[in-house]
PDB file of N, CA and C in Angstrom:
ATOM      1  N   MET A   1      82.354  45.899  82.438  1.00  0.00           N
ATOM      2  CA  MET A   1      83.783  45.812  82.508  1.00  0.00           C
ATOM      3  C   MET A   1      84.458  44.213  82.527  1.00  0.00           C
ATOM      4  N   PRO A   2      85.549  43.993  82.018  1.00  0.00           N
ATOM      5  CA  PRO A   2      86.089  42.533  82.182  1.00  0.00           C
ATOM      6  C   PRO A   2      86.867  42.188  83.158  1.00  0.00           C
ATOM      7  N   GLY A   3      87.070  41.685  84.011  1.00  0.00           N
ATOM      8  CA  GLY A   3      87.521  41.189  85.167  1.00  0.00           C
ATOM      9  C   GLY A   3      86.244  41.388  86.973  1.00  0.00           C
ATOM     10  N   GLY A   4      85.329  41.594  86.382  1.00  0.00           N
ATOM     11  CA  GLY A   4      84.927  42.107  87.145  1.00  0.00           C
ATOM     12  C   GLY A   4      84.408  43.689  87.739  1.00  0.00           C
ATOM     13  N   TYR A   5      85.611  44.659  87.651  1.00  0.00           N
ATOM     14  CA  TYR A   5      85.383  45.617  88.000  1.00  0.00           C
ATOM     15  C   TYR A   5      84.728  46.911  87.484  1.00  0.00           C
ATOM     16  N   SER A   6      83.495  47.552  87.598  1.00  0.00           N
ATOM     17  CA  SER A   6      83.261  48.436  87.293  1.00  0.00           C
ATOM     18  C   SER A   6      83.422  50.002  87.426  1.00  0.00           C
ATOM     19  N   ALA A   7      83.062  51.061  86.845  1.00  0.00           N
ATOM     20  CA  ALA A   7      83.342  52.101  86.961  1.00  0.00           C
ATOM     21  C   ALA A   7      83.167  52.549  88.733  1.00  0.00           C
ATOM     22  N   ALA A   8      81.847  52.427  88.828  1.00  0.00           N
ATOM     23  CA  ALA A   8      81.519  52.704  89.884  1.00  0.00           C
ATOM     24  C   ALA A   8      83.101  52.273  91.328  1.00  0.00           C
ATOM     25  N   THR A   9      83.201  51.159  90.833  1.00  0.00           N
ATOM     26  CA  THR A   9      84.394  50.680  92.359  1.00  0.00           C
ATOM     27  C   THR A   9      85.473  50.912  92.305  1.00  0.00           C
ATOM     28  N   MET A  10      85.998  51.781  91.232  1.00  0.00           N
ATOM     29  CA  MET A  10      86.993  51.853  91.025  1.00  0.00           C
ATOM     30  C   MET A  10      87.677  53.171  91.755  1.00  0.00           C
ATOM     31  N   SER A  11      88.027  53.995  92.160  1.00  0.00           N
ATOM     32  CA  SER A  11      88.795  55.089  92.647  1.00  0.00           C
ATOM     33  C   SER A  11      89.126  55.691  91.860  1.00  0.00           C
ATOM     34  N   LYS A  12      89.110  56.848  92.424  1.00  0.00           N
ATOM     35  CA  LYS A  12      89.645  58.290  91.518  1.00  0.00           C
ATOM     36  C   LYS A  12      91.727  58.296  91.351  1.00  0.00           C
ATOM     37  N   PRO A  13      92.161  58.303  90.770  1.00  0.00           N
ATOM     38  CA  PRO A  13      93.775  58.261  90.649  1.00  0.00           C
ATOM     39  C   PRO A  13      94.036  59.470  91.444  1.00  0.00           C
ATOM     40  N   ILE A  14      95.235  59.422  91.708  1.00  0.00           N
ATOM     41  CA  ILE A  14      95.632  60.746  92.856  1.00  0.00           C
ATOM     42  C   ILE A  14      96.836  60.571  92.506  1.00  0.00           C
ATOM     43  N   ASN A  15      97.632  62.129  92.567  1.00  0.00           N
ATOM     44  CA  ASN A  15      98.981  62.409  92.206  1.00  0.00           C
ATOM     45  C   ASN A  15      99.436  62.357  93.308  1.00  0.00           C
ATOM     46  N   LEU A  16     100.131  61.262  93.792  1.00  0.00           N
ATOM     47  CA  LEU A  16     101.389  61.869  94.594  1.00  0.00           C
ATOM     48  C   LEU A  16     101.836  62.688  94.464  1.00  0.00           C
ATOM     49  N   ASN A  17     102.774  62.715  94.176  1.00  0.00           N
ATOM     50  CA  ASN A  17     103.924  63.918  93.857  1.00  0.00           C
ATOM     51  C   ASN A  17     102.821  65.167  95.162  1.00  0.00           C
ATOM     52  N   ARG A  18     101.682  65.387  94.762  1.00  0.00           N
ATOM     53  CA  ARG A  18     100.904  66.497  95.067  1.00  0.00           C
ATOM     54  C   ARG A  18     100.720  66.502  96.081  1.00  0.00           C
ATOM     55  N   VAL A  19     100.132  64.882  96.508  1.00  0.00           N
ATOM     56  CA  VAL A  19     100.098  65.039  98.048  1.00  0.00           C
ATOM     57  C   VAL A  19     101.066  65.335  98.902  1.00  0.00           C
ATOM     58  N   ARG A  20     102.494  64.736  98.480  1.00  0.00           N
ATOM     59  CA  ARG A  20     103.144  64.602  99.558  1.00  0.00           C
ATOM     60  C   ARG A  20     103.914  66.511  99.773  1.00  0.00           C
ATOM     61  N   LYS A  21     103.696  66.761  98.012  1.00  0.00           N
ATOM     62  CA  LYS A  21     104.359  68.485  97.982  1.00  0.00           C
ATOM     63  C   LYS A  21     103.169  68.619  99.589  1.00  0.00           C
ATOM     64  N   GLN A  22     101.734  68.808  99.358  1.00  0.00           N
ATOM     65  CA  GLN A  22     100.231  69.090 100.017  1.00  0.00           C
ATOM     66  C   GLN A  22     101.394  69.007 101.628  1.00  0.00           C
ATOM     67  N   ARG A  23     101.796  67.853 101.835  1.00  0.00           N
ATOM     68  CA  ARG A  23     101.715  67.753 103.199  1.00  0.00           C
ATOM     69  C   ARG A  23     103.104  67.925 103.898  1.00  0.00           C
ATOM     70  N   ALA A  24     104.002  68.187 103.149  1.00  0.00           N
ATOM     71  CA  ALA A  24     105.197  68.815 103.546  1.00  0.00           C
ATOM     72  C   ALA A  24     104.910  70.518 103.380  1.00  0.00           C
ATOM     73  N   ARG A  25     103.988  71.258 102.880  1.00  0.00           N
ATOM     74  CA  ARG A  25     103.832  72.239 102.785  1.00  0.00           C
ATOM     75  C   ARG A  25     103.227  72.781 104.315  1.00  0.00           C
ATOM     76  N   ASP A  26     101.565  71.589 104.678  1.00  0.00           N
ATOM     77  CA  ASP A  26     101.166  71.645 105.907  1.00  0.00           C
ATOM     78  C   ASP A  26     102.071  71.691 106.917  1.00  0.00           C
ATOM     79  N   ASP A  27     102.732  70.946 106.757  1.00  0.00           N
ATOM     80  CA  ASP A  27     103.877  70.433 107.939  1.00  0.00           C
ATOM     81  C   ASP A  27     104.323  71.963 108.276  1.00  0.00           C
ATOM     82  N   ALA A  28     105.430  72.098 107.612  1.00  0.00           N
ATOM     83  CA  ALA A  28     106.032  73.546 107.382  1.00  0.00           C
ATOM     84  C   ALA A  28     105.064  74.914 107.686  1.00  0.00           C
ATOM     85  N   ARG A  29     103.711  74.610 107.278  1.00  0.00           N
ATOM     86  CA  ARG A  29     102.956  76.205 108.523  1.00  0.00           C
ATOM     87  C   ARG A  29     102.450  75.846 109.764  1.00  0.00           C
ATOM     88  N   ARG A  30     102.816  74.353 110.135  1.00  0.00           N
ATOM     89  CA  ARG A  30     102.431  74.089 111.373  1.00  0.00           C
ATOM     90  C   ARG A  30     103.627  74.051 112.104  1.00  0.00           C
ATOM     91  N   GLN A  31     104.655  74.393 111.609  1.00  0.00           N
ATOM     92  CA  GLN A  31     105.965  74.522 112.399  1.00  0.00           C
ATOM     93  C   GLN A  31     105.964  76.016 112.509  1.00  0.00           C
ATOM     94  N   ALA A  32     105.969  77.111 111.220  1.00  0.00           N
ATOM     95  CA  ALA A  32     106.496  78.073 111.450  1.00  0.00           C
ATOM     96  C   ALA A  32     105.049  78.811 112.739  1.00  0.00           C
ATOM     97  N   ASP A  33     103.560  78.268 112.383  1.00  0.00           N
ATOM     98  CA  ASP A  33     102.903  79.097 113.483  1.00  0.00           C
ATOM     99  C   ASP A  33     103.178  78.163 114.963  1.00  0.00           C
ATOM    100  N   ARG A  34     104.052  77.498 114.973  1.00  0.00           N
ATOM    101  CA  ARG A  34     104.797  76.758 116.559  1.00  0.00           C
ATOM    102  C   ARG A  34     105.716  78.103 117.139  1.00  0.00           C
ATOM    103  N   ASN A  35     106.428  77.888 115.761  1.00  0.00           N
ATOM    104  CA  ASN A  35     107.675  79.261 116.178  1.00  0.00           C
ATOM    105  C   ASN A  35     107.727  80.635 116.261  1.00  0.00           C
ATOM    106  N   ALA A  36     106.623  80.961 115.903  1.00  0.00           N
ATOM    107  CA  ALA A  36     105.593  82.541 116.634  1.00  0.00           C
ATOM    108  C   ALA A  36     105.410  82.477 117.523  1.00  0.00           C
ATOM    109  N   VAL A  37     104.550  81.462 117.943  1.00  0.00           N
ATOM    110  CA  VAL A  37     104.053  81.757 118.832  1.00  0.00           C
ATOM    111  C   VAL A  37     105.416  81.482 119.848  1.00  0.00           C
ATOM    112  N   LEU A  38     106.117  80.281 119.671  1.00  0.00           N
ATOM    113  CA  LEU A  38     107.117  80.881 120.779  1.00  0.00           C
ATOM    114  C   LEU A  38     107.994  81.646 121.397  1.00  0.00           C
ATOM    115  N   HIS A  39     108.773  82.375 119.711  1.00  0.00           N
ATOM    116  CA  HIS A  39     109.554  83.120 119.576  1.00  0.00           C
ATOM    117  C   HIS A  39     109.177  84.571 119.002  1.00  0.00           C
ATOM    118  N   GLY A  40     107.819  84.471 118.440  1.00  0.00           N
ATOM    119  CA  GLY A  40     107.584  85.993 118.051  1.00  0.00           C
ATOM    120  C   GLY A  40     106.907  87.036 118.306  1.00  0.00           C
ATOM    121  N   LEU A  41     106.905  88.071 118.285  1.00  0.00           N
ATOM    122  CA  LEU A  41     105.674  89.090 117.982  1.00  0.00           C
ATOM    123  C   LEU A  41     104.540  89.498 117.079  1.00  0.00           C
ATOM    124  N   PRO A  42     103.432  89.864 117.022  1.00  0.00           N
ATOM    125  CA  PRO A  42     103.178  89.989 115.434  1.00  0.00           C
ATOM    126  C   PRO A  42     103.448  91.299 115.110  1.00  0.00           C
ATOM    127  N   GLY A  43     103.142  91.513 114.275  1.00  0.00           N
ATOM    128  CA  GLY A  43     103.824  92.779 113.261  1.00  0.00           C
ATOM    129  C   GLY A  43     103.496  94.150 113.556  1.00  0.00           C
ATOM    130  N   ALA A  44     102.002  93.791 114.514  1.00  0.00           N
ATOM    131  CA  ALA A  44     101.269  95.434 115.201  1.00  0.00           C
ATOM    132  C   ALA A  44     101.919  95.718 116.465  1.00  0.00           C
ATOM    133  N   GLU A  45     102.563  94.481 117.242  1.00  0.00           N
ATOM    134  CA  GLU A  45     103.417  94.426 118.174  1.00  0.00           C
ATOM    135  C   GLU A  45     104.529  95.470 118.488  1.00  0.00           C
ATOM    136  N   LYS A  46     105.776  94.944 117.306  1.00  0.00           N
ATOM    137  CA  LYS A  46     106.846  95.317 117.088  1.00  0.00           C
ATOM    138  C   LYS A  46     106.124  96.088 116.653  1.00  0.00           C
ATOM    139  N   ALA A  47     105.599  97.153 115.692  1.00  0.00           N
ATOM    140  CA  ALA A  47     105.566  98.139 115.314  1.00  0.00           C
ATOM    141  C   ALA A  47     105.234  99.293 116.550  1.00  0.00           C
ATOM    142  N   ARG A  48     104.311  98.860 117.852  1.00  0.00           N
ATOM    143  CA  ARG A  48     104.111  99.364 118.608  1.00  0.00           C
ATOM    144  C   ARG A  48     104.929  99.523 119.399  1.00  0.00           C
ATOM    145  N   ALA A  49     105.844  98.929 119.843  1.00  0.00           N
ATOM    146  CA  ALA A  49     107.214  98.991 120.521  1.00  0.00           C
ATOM    147  C   ALA A  49     107.810  99.869 119.913  1.00  0.00           C
ATOM    148  N   LYS A  50     108.467  99.564 118.831  1.00  0.00           N
ATOM    149  CA  LYS A  50     109.335 100.689 118.224  1.00  0.00           C
ATOM    150  C   LYS A  50     109.090 101.760 118.855  1.00  0.00           C
ATOM    151  N   ALA A  51     107.148 101.707 118.008  1.00  0.00           N
ATOM    152  CA  ALA A  51     106.941 103.574 118.176  1.00  0.00           C
ATOM    153  C   ALA A  51     107.410 104.068 119.775  1.00  0.00           C
ATOM    154  N   GLU A  52     107.176 103.235 120.713  1.00  0.00           N
ATOM    155  CA  GLU A  52     107.434 103.743 122.253  1.00  0.00           C
ATOM    156  C   GLU A  52     108.395 104.041 122.761  1.00  0.00           C
ATOM    157  N   ALA A  53     109.833 103.251 122.085  1.00  0.00           N
ATOM    158  CA  ALA A  53     111.320 103.030 122.408  1.00  0.00           C
ATOM    159  C   ALA A  53     111.339 104.254 121.862  1.00  0.00           C
ATOM    160  N   GLU A  54     111.113 105.212 120.376  1.00  0.00           N
ATOM    161  CA  GLU A  54     111.476 106.577 120.079  1.00  0.00           C
ATOM    162  C   GLU A  54     110.845 106.894 120.731  1.00  0.00           C
ATOM    163  N   ARG A  55     109.831 107.407 121.102  1.00  0.00           N
ATOM    164  CA  ARG A  55     108.918 108.191 121.895  1.00  0.00           C
ATOM    165  C   ARG A  55     109.798 107.985 123.374  1.00  0.00           C
ATOM    166  N   GLU A  56     110.304 107.404 123.974  1.00  0.00           N
ATOM    167  CA  GLU A  56     110.726 107.485 124.832  1.00  0.00           C
ATOM    168  C   GLU A  56     112.009 107.896 124.976  1.00  0.00           C
ATOM    169  N   ALA A  57     112.547 107.836 124.164  1.00  0.00           N
ATOM    170  CA  ALA A  57     114.201 108.260 123.534  1.00  0.00           C
ATOM    171  C   ALA A  57     113.950 109.587 123.495  1.00  0.00           C
ATOM    172  N   ARG A  58     112.888 110.039 122.842  1.00  0.00           N
ATOM    173  CA  ARG A  58     112.675 111.670 121.936  1.00  0.00           C
ATOM    174  C   ARG A  58     112.323 111.998 123.715  1.00  0.00           C
ATOM    175  N   ALA A  59     111.745 112.045 124.396  1.00  0.00           N
ATOM    176  CA  ALA A  59     111.384 112.387 126.116  1.00  0.00           C
ATOM    177  C   ALA A  59     112.981 112.419 126.555  1.00  0.00           C
ATOM    178  N   HIS A  60     113.715 111.315 127.133  1.00  0.00           N
ATOM    179  CA  HIS A  60     114.875 111.606 127.647  1.00  0.00           C
ATOM    180  C   HIS A  60     115.645 112.859 126.457  1.00  0.00           C
ATOM    181  N   GLU A  61     116.046 112.960 125.759  1.00  0.00           N
ATOM    182  CA  GLU A  61     116.664 113.859 125.177  1.00  0.00           C
ATOM    183  C   GLU A  61     116.504 114.754 125.920  1.00  0.00           C
ATOM    184  N   ALA A  62     114.956 115.338 125.196  1.00  0.00           N
ATOM    185  CA  ALA A  62     114.255 116.508 125.717  1.00  0.00           C
ATOM    186  C   ALA A  62     114.519 116.505 127.011  1.00  0.00           C
ATOM    187  N   GLY A  63     115.009 116.032 128.441  1.00  0.00           N
ATOM    188  CA  GLY A  63     114.406 116.163 129.059  1.00  0.00           C
ATOM    189  C   GLY A  63     116.122 116.579 129.637  1.00  0.00           C
ATOM    190  N   ARG A  64     117.414 117.094 128.876  1.00  0.00           N
ATOM    191  CA  ARG A  64     118.452 117.413 129.050  1.00  0.00           C
ATOM    192  C   ARG A  64     118.663 118.901 129.074  1.00  0.00           C
ATOM    193  N   ARG A  65     119.814 119.077 129.714  1.00  0.00           N
ATOM    194  CA  ARG A  65     119.809 120.491 130.510  1.00  0.00           C
ATOM    195  C   ARG A  65     121.049 120.461 128.864  1.00  0.00           C
ATOM    196  N   ALA A  66     120.832 122.438 128.864  1.00  0.00           N
ATOM    197  CA  ALA A  66     121.453 122.834 128.049  1.00  0.00           C
ATOM    198  C   ALA A  66     122.684 122.776 128.215  1.00  0.00           C
ATOM    199  N   GLY A  67     123.729 122.762 127.436  1.00  0.00           N
ATOM    200  CA  GLY A  67     125.454 123.175 127.641  1.00  0.00           C
ATOM    201  C   GLY A  67     125.712 121.767 128.191  1.00  0.00           C
ATOM    202  N   ASP A  68     125.001 120.813 128.347  1.00  0.00           N
ATOM    203  CA  ASP A  68     125.280 119.065 128.568  1.00  0.00           C
ATOM    204  C   ASP A  68     125.834 117.876 127.342  1.00  0.00           C
ATOM    205  N   GLU A  69     127.499 118.261 127.216  1.00  0.00           N
ATOM    206  CA  GLU A  69     127.791 116.955 126.102  1.00  0.00           C
ATOM    207  C   GLU A  69     128.004 116.408 126.385  1.00  0.00           C
ATOM    208  N   GLU A  70     127.709 115.375 125.531  1.00  0.00           N
ATOM    209  CA  GLU A  70     128.086 113.801 125.328  1.00  0.00           C
ATOM    210  C   GLU A  70     129.567 112.864 125.856  1.00  0.00           C
ATOM    211  N   PRO A  71     129.740 112.686 126.575  1.00  0.00           N
ATOM    212  CA  PRO A  71     130.771 112.157 127.413  1.00  0.00           C
ATOM    213  C   PRO A  71     131.531 111.362 126.003  1.00  0.00           C
ATOM    214  N   ALA A  72     132.988 111.976 126.402  1.00  0.00           N
ATOM    215  CA  ALA A  72     134.234 110.992 125.435  1.00  0.00           C
ATOM    216  C   ALA A  72     134.467 110.121 125.914  1.00  0.00           C
ATOM    217  N   ASP A  73     134.914 109.338 124.797  1.00  0.00           N
ATOM    218  CA  ASP A  73     135.022 108.233 125.014  1.00  0.00           C
ATOM    219  C   ASP A  73     136.923 108.165 125.801  1.00  0.00           C
TER     220      ASP A  73
END
């Protein structure tokens, strides 16, 4: 090749937009993981907590005496 460069010494061209977007996606994923640890519960935990709250509400309602009415405002 003229100029003293050969195919073995030249690097492969890269798409800078693709690299920039991938880096942004990776940063967003890392931030989302940090937020999930700080603020969130896994979906299974949320479902379990909701089911437990519903079960407790049913048990509470089952303990009411007959004839008891909701208090008026």
